[in-house]
Amino acid sequence: MDFEEKIVYVISGSCGVGKSTIGKGVKTIKTLLTRNSLNISDIYMMIPQNINHQGYVNLYAKMLNLNPEKLFLENIPKGGHLGDVDIMRNFKDFSINNTIPEEANILLYGLGGPEGKDKSYDAVLVKYSPK
């Protein structure tokens, strides 16, 4: 399937490591949504890195008030975390294997950084437009 993606807004944040690491990621996502005048209910699918299935379902989804069915986690058992490749692989697999409505808001999310150092939290909002 051919598609054209339109990046609406990108936000990146960096914070020190601490017990609220997930909270800082959630704050990054909420800031992205606010800057685009969107609510979490406007997100068709959130496509994160392949890090921790239970962390996304039990923490991110609850803290964002996001239905866990709107998390693309299918690739976690199909190869796990492959570094920077995760998000693009997941986006490709999701878009090929699903019918996505015109103008759907898709949230891409990742975090990273060396152990014990500052972490970065990156969220990208994509407006989906099939060709």
N, C-alpha and C. Protein backbone atom coordinates (compact mmCIF):
# COMPACT_ATOMS: atom_id res chain seq x y z
N MET A 1 0.84 -1.18 0.00
CA MET A 1 0.00 0.00 0.00
C MET A 1 0.89 1.23 0.00
N ASP A 2 0.63 2.15 -0.89
CA ASP A 2 1.34 3.41 -0.89
C ASP A 2 0.66 4.37 0.06
N PHE A 3 1.43 5.18 0.71
CA PHE A 3 0.84 6.19 1.59
C PHE A 3 1.74 7.40 1.63
N GLU A 4 1.15 8.49 2.00
CA GLU A 4 1.88 9.74 2.17
C GLU A 4 1.64 10.17 3.61
N GLU A 5 2.71 10.44 4.32
CA GLU A 5 2.54 10.88 5.69
C GLU A 5 2.82 12.37 5.78
N LYS A 6 2.06 13.03 6.62
CA LYS A 6 2.26 14.45 6.85
C LYS A 6 2.60 14.63 8.32
N ILE A 7 3.81 15.07 8.59
CA ILE A 7 4.18 15.28 9.98
C ILE A 7 3.58 16.60 10.41
N VAL A 8 2.73 16.53 11.42
CA VAL A 8 2.02 17.70 11.90
C VAL A 8 2.89 18.47 12.88
N TYR A 9 3.49 17.79 13.82
CA TYR A 9 4.30 18.45 14.83
C TYR A 9 5.21 17.43 15.47
N VAL A 10 6.41 17.83 15.79
CA VAL A 10 7.37 16.96 16.46
C VAL A 10 7.79 17.63 17.75
N ILE A 11 7.88 16.88 18.82
CA ILE A 11 8.36 17.43 20.07
C ILE A 11 9.36 16.47 20.67
N SER A 12 10.40 17.00 21.26
CA SER A 12 11.41 16.20 21.90
C SER A 12 11.74 16.85 23.23
N GLY A 13 11.92 16.05 24.24
CA GLY A 13 12.28 16.57 25.55
C GLY A 13 13.39 15.74 26.14
N SER A 14 14.11 16.30 27.08
CA SER A 14 15.18 15.58 27.74
C SER A 14 15.10 15.84 29.23
N CYS A 15 15.14 14.78 30.01
CA CYS A 15 15.05 14.90 31.46
C CYS A 15 15.97 13.88 32.09
N GLY A 16 16.39 14.15 33.30
CA GLY A 16 17.22 13.21 34.03
C GLY A 16 16.45 11.94 34.37
N VAL A 17 17.19 10.89 34.59
CA VAL A 17 16.59 9.61 34.95
C VAL A 17 16.05 9.70 36.37
N GLY A 18 14.92 9.11 36.60
CA GLY A 18 14.34 9.09 37.93
C GLY A 18 13.14 8.18 37.96
N LYS A 19 12.48 8.13 39.09
CA LYS A 19 11.34 7.23 39.23
C LYS A 19 10.17 7.64 38.36
N SER A 20 10.19 8.85 37.85
CA SER A 20 9.07 9.32 37.03
C SER A 20 9.41 9.31 35.54
N THR A 21 10.27 8.39 35.12
CA THR A 21 10.66 8.32 33.71
C THR A 21 9.43 8.19 32.81
N ILE A 22 8.50 7.32 33.13
CA ILE A 22 7.30 7.16 32.31
C ILE A 22 6.46 8.42 32.38
N GLY A 23 6.37 9.03 33.55
CA GLY A 23 5.63 10.29 33.69
C GLY A 23 6.17 11.38 32.79
N LYS A 24 7.48 11.42 32.60
CA LYS A 24 8.08 12.43 31.72
C LYS A 24 7.73 12.13 30.26
N GLY A 25 7.68 10.86 29.91
CA GLY A 25 7.26 10.49 28.56
C GLY A 25 5.80 10.85 28.31
N VAL A 26 4.96 10.60 29.29
CA VAL A 26 3.54 10.94 29.20
C VAL A 26 3.38 12.45 29.05
N LYS A 27 4.18 13.22 29.79
CA LYS A 27 4.12 14.68 29.69
C LYS A 27 4.51 15.14 28.28
N THR A 28 5.50 14.52 27.69
CA THR A 28 5.91 14.85 26.32
C THR A 28 4.75 14.60 25.35
N ILE A 29 4.09 13.46 25.49
CA ILE A 29 2.96 13.13 24.61
C ILE A 29 1.82 14.13 24.80
N LYS A 30 1.49 14.45 26.05
CA LYS A 30 0.41 15.39 26.33
C LYS A 30 0.73 16.78 25.78
N THR A 31 1.99 17.18 25.86
CA THR A 31 2.39 18.48 25.30
C THR A 31 2.22 18.50 23.79
N LEU A 32 2.60 17.41 23.14
CA LEU A 32 2.41 17.30 21.69
C LEU A 32 0.93 17.43 21.32
N LEU A 33 0.08 16.73 22.05
CA LEU A 33 -1.36 16.79 21.77
C LEU A 33 -1.90 18.20 21.99
N THR A 34 -1.53 18.81 23.09
CA THR A 34 -2.00 20.17 23.40
C THR A 34 -1.57 21.16 22.33
N ARG A 35 -0.34 21.07 21.88
CA ARG A 35 0.16 22.01 20.86
C ARG A 35 -0.53 21.82 19.51
N ASN A 36 -1.18 20.69 19.34
CA ASN A 36 -1.93 20.43 18.11
C ASN A 36 -3.44 20.49 18.33
N SER A 37 -3.85 20.99 19.49
CA SER A 37 -5.27 21.11 19.84
C SER A 37 -6.01 19.78 19.72
N LEU A 38 -5.35 18.73 20.20
CA LEU A 38 -5.93 17.38 20.16
C LEU A 38 -6.05 16.82 21.57
N ASN A 39 -6.92 15.83 21.71
CA ASN A 39 -7.05 15.05 22.92
C ASN A 39 -6.58 13.64 22.62
N ILE A 40 -6.34 12.86 23.65
CA ILE A 40 -5.91 11.49 23.44
C ILE A 40 -6.95 10.70 22.65
N SER A 41 -8.22 11.07 22.77
CA SER A 41 -9.28 10.38 22.02
C SER A 41 -9.18 10.63 20.52
N ASP A 42 -8.41 11.65 20.11
CA ASP A 42 -8.22 11.95 18.70
C ASP A 42 -7.15 11.08 18.05
N ILE A 43 -6.44 10.30 18.87
CA ILE A 43 -5.38 9.45 18.35
C ILE A 43 -5.96 8.13 17.87
N TYR A 44 -5.71 7.82 16.61
CA TYR A 44 -6.20 6.57 16.04
C TYR A 44 -5.35 5.39 16.53
N MET A 45 -4.01 5.59 16.57
CA MET A 45 -3.12 4.53 17.04
C MET A 45 -1.84 5.17 17.56
N MET A 46 -1.33 4.64 18.66
CA MET A 46 -0.03 5.02 19.19
C MET A 46 0.94 3.90 18.85
N ILE A 47 2.03 4.27 18.19
CA ILE A 47 3.02 3.28 17.76
C ILE A 47 4.34 3.59 18.47
N PRO A 48 4.64 2.83 19.53
CA PRO A 48 5.86 3.07 20.28
C PRO A 48 6.98 2.11 19.88
N GLN A 49 8.12 2.27 20.56
CA GLN A 49 9.21 1.32 20.44
C GLN A 49 8.77 -0.02 21.04
N ASN A 50 9.50 -1.07 20.71
CA ASN A 50 9.21 -2.41 21.24
C ASN A 50 10.00 -2.64 22.53
N ILE A 51 9.56 -1.99 23.60
CA ILE A 51 10.33 -2.10 24.83
C ILE A 51 9.67 -3.00 25.86
N ASN A 52 8.47 -2.68 26.28
CA ASN A 52 7.85 -3.43 27.38
C ASN A 52 6.33 -3.42 27.23
N HIS A 53 5.78 -4.55 26.83
CA HIS A 53 4.34 -4.66 26.61
C HIS A 53 3.55 -4.24 27.84
N GLN A 54 3.87 -4.80 28.99
CA GLN A 54 3.13 -4.48 30.22
C GLN A 54 3.30 -3.03 30.63
N GLY A 55 4.46 -2.47 30.40
CA GLY A 55 4.67 -1.05 30.71
C GLY A 55 3.76 -0.15 29.91
N TYR A 56 3.59 -0.46 28.63
CA TYR A 56 2.70 0.35 27.79
C TYR A 56 1.24 0.17 28.19
N VAL A 57 0.83 -1.08 28.45
CA VAL A 57 -0.57 -1.36 28.77
C VAL A 57 -0.92 -0.88 30.18
N ASN A 58 -0.08 -1.20 31.15
CA ASN A 58 -0.40 -0.92 32.55
C ASN A 58 -0.02 0.48 33.01
N LEU A 59 0.91 1.12 32.33
CA LEU A 59 1.34 2.45 32.77
C LEU A 59 0.99 3.54 31.77
N TYR A 60 1.59 3.49 30.58
CA TYR A 60 1.34 4.54 29.59
C TYR A 60 -0.15 4.67 29.29
N ALA A 61 -0.82 3.57 28.96
CA ALA A 61 -2.24 3.63 28.60
C ALA A 61 -3.07 4.22 29.74
N LYS A 62 -2.81 3.79 30.95
CA LYS A 62 -3.57 4.30 32.09
C LYS A 62 -3.28 5.78 32.35
N MET A 63 -2.00 6.16 32.30
CA MET A 63 -1.64 7.55 32.58
C MET A 63 -2.14 8.50 31.49
N LEU A 64 -2.25 8.00 30.26
CA LEU A 64 -2.75 8.81 29.16
C LEU A 64 -4.27 8.71 29.00
N ASN A 65 -4.88 7.77 29.70
CA ASN A 65 -6.30 7.47 29.53
C ASN A 65 -6.56 7.01 28.08
N LEU A 66 -5.67 6.16 27.60
CA LEU A 66 -5.70 5.63 26.24
C LEU A 66 -6.18 4.19 26.27
N ASN A 67 -7.13 3.86 25.42
CA ASN A 67 -7.57 2.48 25.30
C ASN A 67 -6.37 1.64 24.86
N PRO A 68 -5.99 0.59 25.60
CA PRO A 68 -4.83 -0.23 25.22
C PRO A 68 -4.92 -0.82 23.82
N GLU A 69 -6.14 -0.93 23.27
CA GLU A 69 -6.28 -1.43 21.90
C GLU A 69 -5.74 -0.43 20.87
N LYS A 70 -5.48 0.79 21.30
CA LYS A 70 -4.91 1.81 20.42
C LYS A 70 -3.39 1.85 20.52
N LEU A 71 -2.79 0.82 21.11
CA LEU A 71 -1.34 0.68 21.17
C LEU A 71 -0.92 -0.42 20.20
N PHE A 72 -0.02 -0.10 19.28
CA PHE A 72 0.47 -1.13 18.38
C PHE A 72 1.67 -1.81 19.05
N LEU A 73 1.42 -3.01 19.58
CA LEU A 73 2.45 -3.76 20.31
C LEU A 73 2.71 -5.13 19.69
N GLU A 74 2.19 -5.35 18.50
CA GLU A 74 2.26 -6.67 17.86
C GLU A 74 3.68 -7.13 17.54
N ASN A 75 4.61 -6.20 17.37
CA ASN A 75 5.96 -6.60 16.99
C ASN A 75 6.86 -6.91 18.18
N ILE A 76 6.40 -6.69 19.40
CA ILE A 76 7.26 -6.99 20.55
C ILE A 76 7.65 -8.46 20.56
N PRO A 77 6.71 -9.40 20.39
CA PRO A 77 7.13 -10.82 20.37
C PRO A 77 7.72 -11.26 19.02
N LYS A 78 7.73 -10.38 18.03
CA LYS A 78 8.23 -10.72 16.70
C LYS A 78 9.59 -10.08 16.44
N GLY A 79 10.45 -10.10 17.40
CA GLY A 79 11.79 -9.55 17.19
C GLY A 79 12.21 -8.62 18.30
N GLY A 80 11.27 -8.20 19.11
CA GLY A 80 11.61 -7.36 20.26
C GLY A 80 12.17 -6.01 19.87
N HIS A 81 12.98 -5.47 20.77
CA HIS A 81 13.55 -4.13 20.61
C HIS A 81 14.75 -4.18 19.68
N LEU A 82 14.66 -3.45 18.59
CA LEU A 82 15.73 -3.40 17.60
C LEU A 82 16.31 -2.00 17.48
N GLY A 83 16.35 -1.28 18.60
CA GLY A 83 16.92 0.06 18.62
C GLY A 83 16.09 1.05 17.83
N ASP A 84 16.76 1.86 17.05
CA ASP A 84 16.10 2.92 16.29
C ASP A 84 15.18 2.41 15.20
N VAL A 85 15.24 1.13 14.89
CA VAL A 85 14.43 0.55 13.82
C VAL A 85 12.98 0.34 14.26
N ASP A 86 12.75 0.16 15.55
CA ASP A 86 11.42 -0.21 16.07
C ASP A 86 10.28 0.61 15.50
N ILE A 87 10.36 1.91 15.66
CA ILE A 87 9.21 2.76 15.33
C ILE A 87 8.88 2.69 13.84
N MET A 88 9.89 2.78 12.99
CA MET A 88 9.62 2.74 11.55
C MET A 88 9.13 1.36 11.13
N ARG A 89 9.69 0.31 11.70
CA ARG A 89 9.22 -1.06 11.41
C ARG A 89 7.77 -1.20 11.84
N ASN A 90 7.45 -0.72 13.03
CA ASN A 90 6.09 -0.84 13.54
C ASN A 90 5.11 -0.02 12.70
N PHE A 91 5.51 1.19 12.32
CA PHE A 91 4.66 2.05 11.50
C PHE A 91 4.38 1.38 10.15
N LYS A 92 5.43 0.83 9.55
CA LYS A 92 5.28 0.14 8.26
C LYS A 92 4.35 -1.06 8.40
N ASP A 93 4.60 -1.91 9.39
CA ASP A 93 3.77 -3.10 9.57
C ASP A 93 2.32 -2.74 9.88
N PHE A 94 2.11 -1.74 10.72
CA PHE A 94 0.75 -1.32 11.04
C PHE A 94 0.04 -0.80 9.79
N SER A 95 0.71 0.04 9.02
CA SER A 95 0.06 0.64 7.85
C SER A 95 -0.21 -0.37 6.74
N ILE A 96 0.62 -1.38 6.63
CA ILE A 96 0.41 -2.40 5.60
C ILE A 96 -0.72 -3.36 5.99
N ASN A 97 -0.84 -3.68 7.26
CA ASN A 97 -1.76 -4.71 7.72
C ASN A 97 -3.10 -4.19 8.24
N ASN A 98 -3.35 -2.91 8.11
CA ASN A 98 -4.60 -2.33 8.62
C ASN A 98 -5.16 -1.32 7.64
N THR A 99 -6.47 -1.15 7.67
CA THR A 99 -7.11 -0.10 6.90
C THR A 99 -7.17 1.13 7.81
N ILE A 100 -6.46 2.15 7.42
CA ILE A 100 -6.37 3.36 8.24
C ILE A 100 -7.22 4.44 7.59
N PRO A 101 -8.08 5.07 8.36
CA PRO A 101 -8.93 6.12 7.78
C PRO A 101 -8.12 7.34 7.33
N GLU A 102 -8.63 7.97 6.29
CA GLU A 102 -8.04 9.23 5.80
C GLU A 102 -7.94 10.22 6.95
N GLU A 103 -6.81 10.88 7.05
CA GLU A 103 -6.55 11.93 8.04
C GLU A 103 -6.47 11.41 9.48
N ALA A 104 -6.25 10.12 9.66
CA ALA A 104 -6.10 9.57 11.01
C ALA A 104 -4.84 10.14 11.67
N ASN A 105 -4.95 10.42 12.96
CA ASN A 105 -3.80 10.90 13.73
C ASN A 105 -3.08 9.69 14.33
N ILE A 106 -1.83 9.52 13.93
CA ILE A 106 -1.02 8.42 14.43
C ILE A 106 0.12 9.02 15.25
N LEU A 107 0.28 8.52 16.46
CA LEU A 107 1.30 9.02 17.37
C LEU A 107 2.47 8.04 17.40
N LEU A 108 3.65 8.51 17.04
CA LEU A 108 4.87 7.71 17.14
C LEU A 108 5.59 8.16 18.40
N TYR A 109 6.11 7.20 19.18
CA TYR A 109 6.74 7.56 20.45
C TYR A 109 7.95 6.70 20.74
N GLY A 110 8.99 7.34 21.21
CA GLY A 110 10.20 6.62 21.62
C GLY A 110 10.94 7.37 22.70
N LEU A 111 11.74 6.64 23.43
CA LEU A 111 12.60 7.24 24.42
C LEU A 111 13.96 6.58 24.35
N GLY A 112 14.95 7.27 24.82
CA GLY A 112 16.29 6.69 24.74
C GLY A 112 17.30 7.47 25.53
N GLY A 113 18.51 6.98 25.47
CA GLY A 113 19.62 7.59 26.18
C GLY A 113 20.44 6.54 26.88
N PRO A 114 21.70 6.84 27.12
CA PRO A 114 22.55 5.86 27.80
C PRO A 114 22.12 5.66 29.25
N GLU A 115 22.30 4.45 29.73
CA GLU A 115 21.93 4.11 31.11
C GLU A 115 22.60 5.06 32.10
N GLY A 116 21.80 5.59 33.01
CA GLY A 116 22.32 6.47 34.04
C GLY A 116 22.50 7.91 33.62
N LYS A 117 22.21 8.22 32.38
CA LYS A 117 22.35 9.58 31.87
C LYS A 117 20.96 10.14 31.59
N ASP A 118 20.92 11.35 31.05
CA ASP A 118 19.64 11.94 30.67
C ASP A 118 18.96 11.09 29.62
N LYS A 119 17.66 11.09 29.67
CA LYS A 119 16.87 10.37 28.67
C LYS A 119 16.18 11.40 27.78
N SER A 120 15.91 11.01 26.56
CA SER A 120 15.13 11.86 25.67
C SER A 120 13.79 11.18 25.44
N TYR A 121 12.77 12.00 25.28
CA TYR A 121 11.40 11.53 25.04
C TYR A 121 10.95 12.19 23.75
N ASP A 122 10.64 11.40 22.76
CA ASP A 122 10.32 11.95 21.45
C ASP A 122 8.96 11.46 20.99
N ALA A 123 8.13 12.39 20.56
CA ALA A 123 6.80 12.06 20.07
C ALA A 123 6.59 12.79 18.74
N VAL A 124 6.04 12.07 17.78
CA VAL A 124 5.76 12.62 16.46
C VAL A 124 4.30 12.34 16.14
N LEU A 125 3.61 13.35 15.68
CA LEU A 125 2.22 13.19 15.26
C LEU A 125 2.19 13.15 13.75
N VAL A 126 1.61 12.09 13.21
CA VAL A 126 1.53 11.91 11.76
C VAL A 126 0.06 11.92 11.36
N LYS A 127 -0.25 12.71 10.35
CA LYS A 127 -1.60 12.75 9.78
C LYS A 127 -1.54 11.83 8.55
N TYR A 128 -2.28 10.74 8.60
CA TYR A 128 -2.19 9.71 7.57
C TYR A 128 -3.06 10.06 6.36
N SER A 129 -2.46 9.95 5.17
CA SER A 129 -3.19 10.22 3.94
C SER A 129 -2.81 9.17 2.89
N PRO A 130 -3.64 8.15 2.70
CA PRO A 130 -3.32 7.15 1.68
C PRO A 130 -3.37 7.77 0.29
N LYS A 131 -2.55 7.26 -0.60
CA LYS A 131 -2.54 7.78 -1.98
C LYS A 131 -3.62 7.12 -2.78
